[in-house]
Amino acid sequence: MRGLIASELELRDRRKRERLVRKARFPQVKSFEGYDFSQVALPEGYGVDDLRSLGFVEQAEDFVFHGQTGRGKTHLAIAMGMACAQAGKEVRFFTAAELVLMLAKASRENCLEPLLKDIARARLVIVDELGYVPLDREGARLLFQVLGDCYEKRSLVITTNIEFSKWGVVFGDDKLAFALIDRIMHHGRLVEFNGTSKRMEHALMLGKAAD
């Protein structure tokens, strides 16, 4: 009987983790395993083990992953999200453009509140590729609403190739951008991704072997 109960509990736990991964809507499956941190500049006093521990989720701490395209920002963000989901924590993953489109559509259809409530259930919100696509005024306002609401409630990971000084251009409003940066910096860490593009290192078009 104990064996049957243990088996049933294990099955339920596995199904819960699978459900959390599906709800997060990761574009690919990525993990910490084999990730190359050699070109990743973590803040002083904060190491890879700290990242893997997921302690930042319990503290509602944020990260901004900054670096040019192909440096591994999205991979690491997904790995963090996958680890959280496997640990039984709710996660939501969006590209910035995707999230803005979802918010704008929900706003037009008068169903914004359910979407915001769903995002608010997450312990970790990942917004990928901030700054890759320009935002209109309404899109910037809605995105700020989501990101600003994470402050001290849930962890936020933003990946971007835009430095802080140019976020005003992304949002089309310097005051809006500064208000968001102020919140993120209070309980957040900046992680710089250096080196060359990992995609170019393995580009078939350049005659290089793929992984």
Foldseek 3Di string as FASTA:
>chain_A
DVVVVVVVVVVVLVVQLVVLLVQQPQPDQAAPPPDDCPQKAWDPPDDPVNLLVLVCLVQLAEEEEADDPQLCQSRVVNNSVSSCSNVVFHEHEEELVRVLVVQVVCVVVVNNVVVLVSRLRGQEYEYEAQPPDADDQSSLVSSLVNLVVSQRRHYYYYYYHDDLVCVCRRNVHPVSSVVSVVRNVVRYTYMYRDDDRPCVCQPVVVVHHHD
